[in-house]
Amino acid sequence: MPTYNYECDACGHGFELLQNVSDAVKKKCPSCKKMKLQRLFGSGAGFLFKGSGFYTTDYRSENYKSGKSNDKPDSNHGRKNGKCSN
């Protein structure tokens, strides 16, 4: 849900409101109760990334990915000719 900026033309009260894109534009000022509220132009539906949920390994280069696939362990797991070496 995007955050929208609103400002009242009557009293000058400004605030941010978190609402769905499909929600109707608010008209009544919560401060002076007049129908002079305007939604301001701004970023509106921009994304804001916060927190520690993004890692440097999320978007690795193609060179790293191809090198990593070459480092896979052998399927025999230390066996010679497919037989256990006891």
N, C-alpha and C. Protein backbone atom coordinates (compact mmCIF):
# COMPACT_ATOMS: atom_id res chain seq x y z
N MET A 1 0.85 -1.18 0.00
CA MET A 1 0.00 0.00 0.00
C MET A 1 0.89 1.25 0.00
N PRO A 2 0.64 2.16 -0.89
CA PRO A 2 1.44 3.38 -0.94
C PRO A 2 1.02 4.41 0.12
N THR A 3 1.93 5.31 0.39
CA THR A 3 1.69 6.42 1.31
C THR A 3 1.45 7.68 0.49
N TYR A 4 0.36 8.40 0.79
CA TYR A 4 0.01 9.63 0.08
C TYR A 4 0.13 10.81 1.02
N ASN A 5 0.55 11.95 0.49
CA ASN A 5 0.63 13.19 1.26
C ASN A 5 -0.63 14.00 1.03
N TYR A 6 -1.19 14.54 2.10
CA TYR A 6 -2.40 15.37 2.03
C TYR A 6 -2.10 16.70 2.71
N GLU A 7 -2.81 17.74 2.25
CA GLU A 7 -2.71 19.05 2.89
C GLU A 7 -4.05 19.77 2.77
N CYS A 8 -4.44 20.43 3.85
CA CYS A 8 -5.71 21.16 3.88
C CYS A 8 -5.49 22.59 3.38
N ASP A 9 -6.33 23.02 2.44
CA ASP A 9 -6.25 24.39 1.92
C ASP A 9 -6.76 25.41 2.93
N ALA A 10 -7.61 24.99 3.86
CA ALA A 10 -8.21 25.91 4.83
C ALA A 10 -7.26 26.21 6.00
N CYS A 11 -6.74 25.14 6.63
CA CYS A 11 -5.93 25.35 7.84
C CYS A 11 -4.45 25.06 7.64
N GLY A 12 -4.07 24.47 6.52
CA GLY A 12 -2.68 24.18 6.25
C GLY A 12 -2.15 22.91 6.88
N HIS A 13 -3.03 22.14 7.52
CA HIS A 13 -2.63 20.87 8.16
C HIS A 13 -2.15 19.89 7.08
N GLY A 14 -0.96 19.33 7.27
CA GLY A 14 -0.42 18.34 6.34
C GLY A 14 -0.12 17.04 7.05
N PHE A 15 -0.31 15.92 6.33
CA PHE A 15 -0.05 14.61 6.91
C PHE A 15 0.12 13.58 5.81
N GLU A 16 0.63 12.41 6.19
CA GLU A 16 0.77 11.28 5.29
C GLU A 16 -0.29 10.26 5.65
N LEU A 17 -0.82 9.58 4.63
CA LEU A 17 -1.85 8.58 4.85
C LEU A 17 -1.53 7.34 4.04
N LEU A 18 -1.50 6.18 4.71
CA LEU A 18 -1.27 4.90 4.06
C LEU A 18 -2.62 4.36 3.62
N GLN A 19 -2.81 4.20 2.31
CA GLN A 19 -4.09 3.71 1.81
C GLN A 19 -3.89 2.94 0.51
N ASN A 20 -4.86 2.10 0.18
CA ASN A 20 -4.83 1.33 -1.06
C ASN A 20 -4.92 2.25 -2.27
N VAL A 21 -4.42 1.77 -3.40
CA VAL A 21 -4.49 2.53 -4.64
C VAL A 21 -5.95 2.71 -5.04
N SER A 22 -6.79 1.74 -4.75
CA SER A 22 -8.19 1.78 -5.13
C SER A 22 -9.06 2.61 -4.19
N ASP A 23 -8.51 3.05 -3.05
CA ASP A 23 -9.29 3.86 -2.10
C ASP A 23 -9.58 5.25 -2.67
N ALA A 24 -10.71 5.80 -2.28
CA ALA A 24 -11.09 7.14 -2.73
C ALA A 24 -10.20 8.20 -2.08
N VAL A 25 -10.01 9.31 -2.78
CA VAL A 25 -9.23 10.43 -2.25
C VAL A 25 -10.00 11.06 -1.10
N LYS A 26 -9.32 11.30 0.02
CA LYS A 26 -9.97 11.91 1.19
C LYS A 26 -10.23 13.38 0.93
N LYS A 27 -11.36 13.88 1.39
CA LYS A 27 -11.74 15.28 1.17
C LYS A 27 -11.86 16.08 2.47
N LYS A 28 -12.16 15.40 3.59
CA LYS A 28 -12.41 16.08 4.85
C LYS A 28 -11.15 16.12 5.71
N CYS A 29 -10.75 17.31 6.12
CA CYS A 29 -9.57 17.51 6.96
C CYS A 29 -9.83 16.97 8.36
N PRO A 30 -8.92 16.15 8.90
CA PRO A 30 -9.12 15.63 10.26
C PRO A 30 -8.88 16.69 11.33
N SER A 31 -8.24 17.80 10.98
CA SER A 31 -7.94 18.84 11.95
C SER A 31 -9.09 19.86 12.08
N CYS A 32 -9.47 20.48 10.94
CA CYS A 32 -10.50 21.53 11.00
C CYS A 32 -11.88 21.05 10.53
N LYS A 33 -11.97 19.82 10.04
CA LYS A 33 -13.22 19.19 9.61
C LYS A 33 -13.86 19.85 8.37
N LYS A 34 -13.10 20.67 7.65
CA LYS A 34 -13.63 21.29 6.43
C LYS A 34 -13.31 20.40 5.23
N MET A 35 -14.08 20.55 4.16
CA MET A 35 -13.92 19.73 2.96
C MET A 35 -12.92 20.39 2.00
N LYS A 36 -11.75 20.74 2.50
CA LYS A 36 -10.74 21.44 1.72
C LYS A 36 -9.43 20.64 1.60
N LEU A 37 -9.50 19.35 1.83
CA LEU A 37 -8.30 18.51 1.80
C LEU A 37 -7.90 18.20 0.36
N GLN A 38 -6.60 18.30 0.07
CA GLN A 38 -6.07 18.01 -1.26
C GLN A 38 -4.97 16.96 -1.15
N ARG A 39 -4.99 16.00 -2.07
CA ARG A 39 -3.89 15.04 -2.13
C ARG A 39 -2.79 15.65 -2.98
N LEU A 40 -1.59 15.68 -2.45
CA LEU A 40 -0.46 16.30 -3.13
C LEU A 40 0.18 15.33 -4.12
N PHE A 41 0.80 15.89 -5.14
CA PHE A 41 1.53 15.07 -6.09
C PHE A 41 2.86 14.68 -5.46
N GLY A 42 3.23 13.45 -5.65
CA GLY A 42 4.48 12.96 -5.08
C GLY A 42 4.78 11.59 -5.61
N SER A 43 5.66 10.90 -4.92
CA SER A 43 6.06 9.57 -5.37
C SER A 43 4.90 8.58 -5.28
N GLY A 44 4.03 8.74 -4.30
CA GLY A 44 2.82 7.92 -4.20
C GLY A 44 3.07 6.45 -4.06
N ALA A 45 3.36 5.76 -5.15
CA ALA A 45 3.45 4.30 -5.12
C ALA A 45 4.89 3.81 -5.17
N GLY A 46 5.82 4.58 -4.65
CA GLY A 46 7.22 4.16 -4.66
C GLY A 46 7.47 3.05 -3.65
N PHE A 47 8.55 2.31 -3.86
CA PHE A 47 8.92 1.25 -2.95
C PHE A 47 9.96 1.76 -1.97
N LEU A 48 9.84 1.30 -0.74
CA LEU A 48 10.79 1.67 0.29
C LEU A 48 11.27 0.39 0.94
N PHE A 49 12.55 0.06 0.75
CA PHE A 49 13.10 -1.16 1.31
C PHE A 49 13.72 -0.85 2.66
N LYS A 50 13.23 -1.53 3.69
CA LYS A 50 13.75 -1.37 5.04
C LYS A 50 14.03 -2.74 5.62
N GLY A 51 14.94 -2.79 6.54
CA GLY A 51 15.18 -4.04 7.24
C GLY A 51 16.41 -4.76 6.75
N SER A 52 16.64 -5.93 7.29
CA SER A 52 17.83 -6.71 6.98
C SER A 52 17.51 -7.92 6.12
N GLY A 53 16.44 -7.88 5.34
CA GLY A 53 16.04 -9.03 4.55
C GLY A 53 16.65 -9.11 3.18
N PHE A 54 17.64 -8.27 2.86
CA PHE A 54 18.26 -8.28 1.55
C PHE A 54 19.74 -8.60 1.72
N TYR A 55 20.20 -9.55 0.95
CA TYR A 55 21.56 -10.04 1.10
C TYR A 55 22.34 -9.81 -0.19
N THR A 56 23.66 -9.73 -0.07
CA THR A 56 24.50 -9.52 -1.25
C THR A 56 24.48 -10.74 -2.16
N THR A 57 24.11 -11.89 -1.64
CA THR A 57 24.07 -13.10 -2.46
C THR A 57 22.78 -13.22 -3.26
N ASP A 58 21.82 -12.34 -3.06
CA ASP A 58 20.55 -12.42 -3.77
C ASP A 58 20.69 -12.17 -5.26
N TYR A 59 21.60 -11.32 -5.65
CA TYR A 59 21.74 -10.94 -7.05
C TYR A 59 23.19 -11.12 -7.48
N ARG A 60 23.61 -12.36 -7.61
CA ARG A 60 24.98 -12.66 -7.99
C ARG A 60 25.16 -12.53 -9.50
N SER A 61 26.39 -12.28 -9.93
CA SER A 61 26.70 -12.16 -11.35
C SER A 61 26.67 -13.54 -12.01
N GLU A 62 26.61 -13.53 -13.32
CA GLU A 62 26.60 -14.80 -14.07
C GLU A 62 27.93 -15.54 -13.91
N ASN A 63 29.05 -14.81 -13.81
CA ASN A 63 30.36 -15.45 -13.61
C ASN A 63 30.39 -16.22 -12.30
N TYR A 64 29.83 -15.65 -11.25
CA TYR A 64 29.80 -16.32 -9.96
C TYR A 64 28.94 -17.58 -10.03
N LYS A 65 27.78 -17.48 -10.66
CA LYS A 65 26.88 -18.64 -10.75
C LYS A 65 27.51 -19.78 -11.52
N SER A 66 28.20 -19.48 -12.64
CA SER A 66 28.82 -20.54 -13.44
C SER A 66 29.99 -21.16 -12.68
N GLY A 67 30.75 -20.37 -11.96
CA GLY A 67 31.86 -20.91 -11.16
C GLY A 67 31.36 -21.77 -10.02
N LYS A 68 30.25 -21.41 -9.43
CA LYS A 68 29.68 -22.17 -8.32
C LYS A 68 29.19 -23.54 -8.80
N SER A 69 28.64 -23.61 -10.02
CA SER A 69 28.15 -24.89 -10.53
C SER A 69 29.30 -25.85 -10.81
N ASN A 70 30.50 -25.32 -11.08
CA ASN A 70 31.67 -26.18 -11.32
C ASN A 70 32.23 -26.75 -10.02
N ASP A 71 31.88 -26.19 -8.88
CA ASP A 71 32.38 -26.63 -7.58
C ASP A 71 31.52 -27.70 -6.92
N LYS A 72 30.59 -28.28 -7.65
CA LYS A 72 29.71 -29.30 -7.05
C LYS A 72 30.53 -30.54 -6.68
N PRO A 73 30.19 -31.20 -5.55
CA PRO A 73 30.96 -32.38 -5.12
C PRO A 73 30.75 -33.55 -6.07
N ASP A 74 31.72 -34.46 -6.05
CA ASP A 74 31.68 -35.66 -6.88
C ASP A 74 30.53 -36.56 -6.42
N SER A 75 29.86 -37.21 -7.33
CA SER A 75 28.71 -38.04 -6.98
C SER A 75 29.11 -39.36 -6.34
N ASN A 76 30.38 -39.77 -6.44
CA ASN A 76 30.82 -41.04 -5.86
C ASN A 76 31.12 -40.92 -4.36
N HIS A 77 31.29 -39.74 -3.84
CA HIS A 77 31.53 -39.48 -2.42
C HIS A 77 32.72 -40.29 -1.89
N GLY A 78 33.86 -40.24 -2.56
CA GLY A 78 35.07 -40.92 -2.08
C GLY A 78 35.16 -42.37 -2.46
N ARG A 79 34.30 -42.87 -3.29
CA ARG A 79 34.34 -44.26 -3.71
C ARG A 79 35.20 -44.40 -4.96
N LYS A 80 35.84 -45.56 -5.09
CA LYS A 80 36.62 -45.84 -6.30
C LYS A 80 35.85 -46.80 -7.17
N ASN A 81 35.67 -46.46 -8.42
CA ASN A 81 34.95 -47.30 -9.39
C ASN A 81 33.51 -47.59 -8.93
N GLY A 82 32.91 -46.71 -8.16
CA GLY A 82 31.54 -46.89 -7.73
C GLY A 82 31.39 -47.83 -6.55
N LYS A 83 32.49 -48.37 -6.00
CA LYS A 83 32.44 -49.32 -4.88
C LYS A 83 33.04 -48.67 -3.65
N CYS A 84 32.58 -49.12 -2.47
CA CYS A 84 33.13 -48.62 -1.22
C CYS A 84 34.57 -49.09 -1.07
N SER A 85 35.41 -48.22 -0.53
CA SER A 85 36.82 -48.60 -0.33
C SER A 85 37.05 -48.94 1.13
N ASN A 86 36.66 -50.15 1.57
CA ASN A 86 36.84 -50.60 2.95
C ASN A 86 38.10 -51.38 3.10
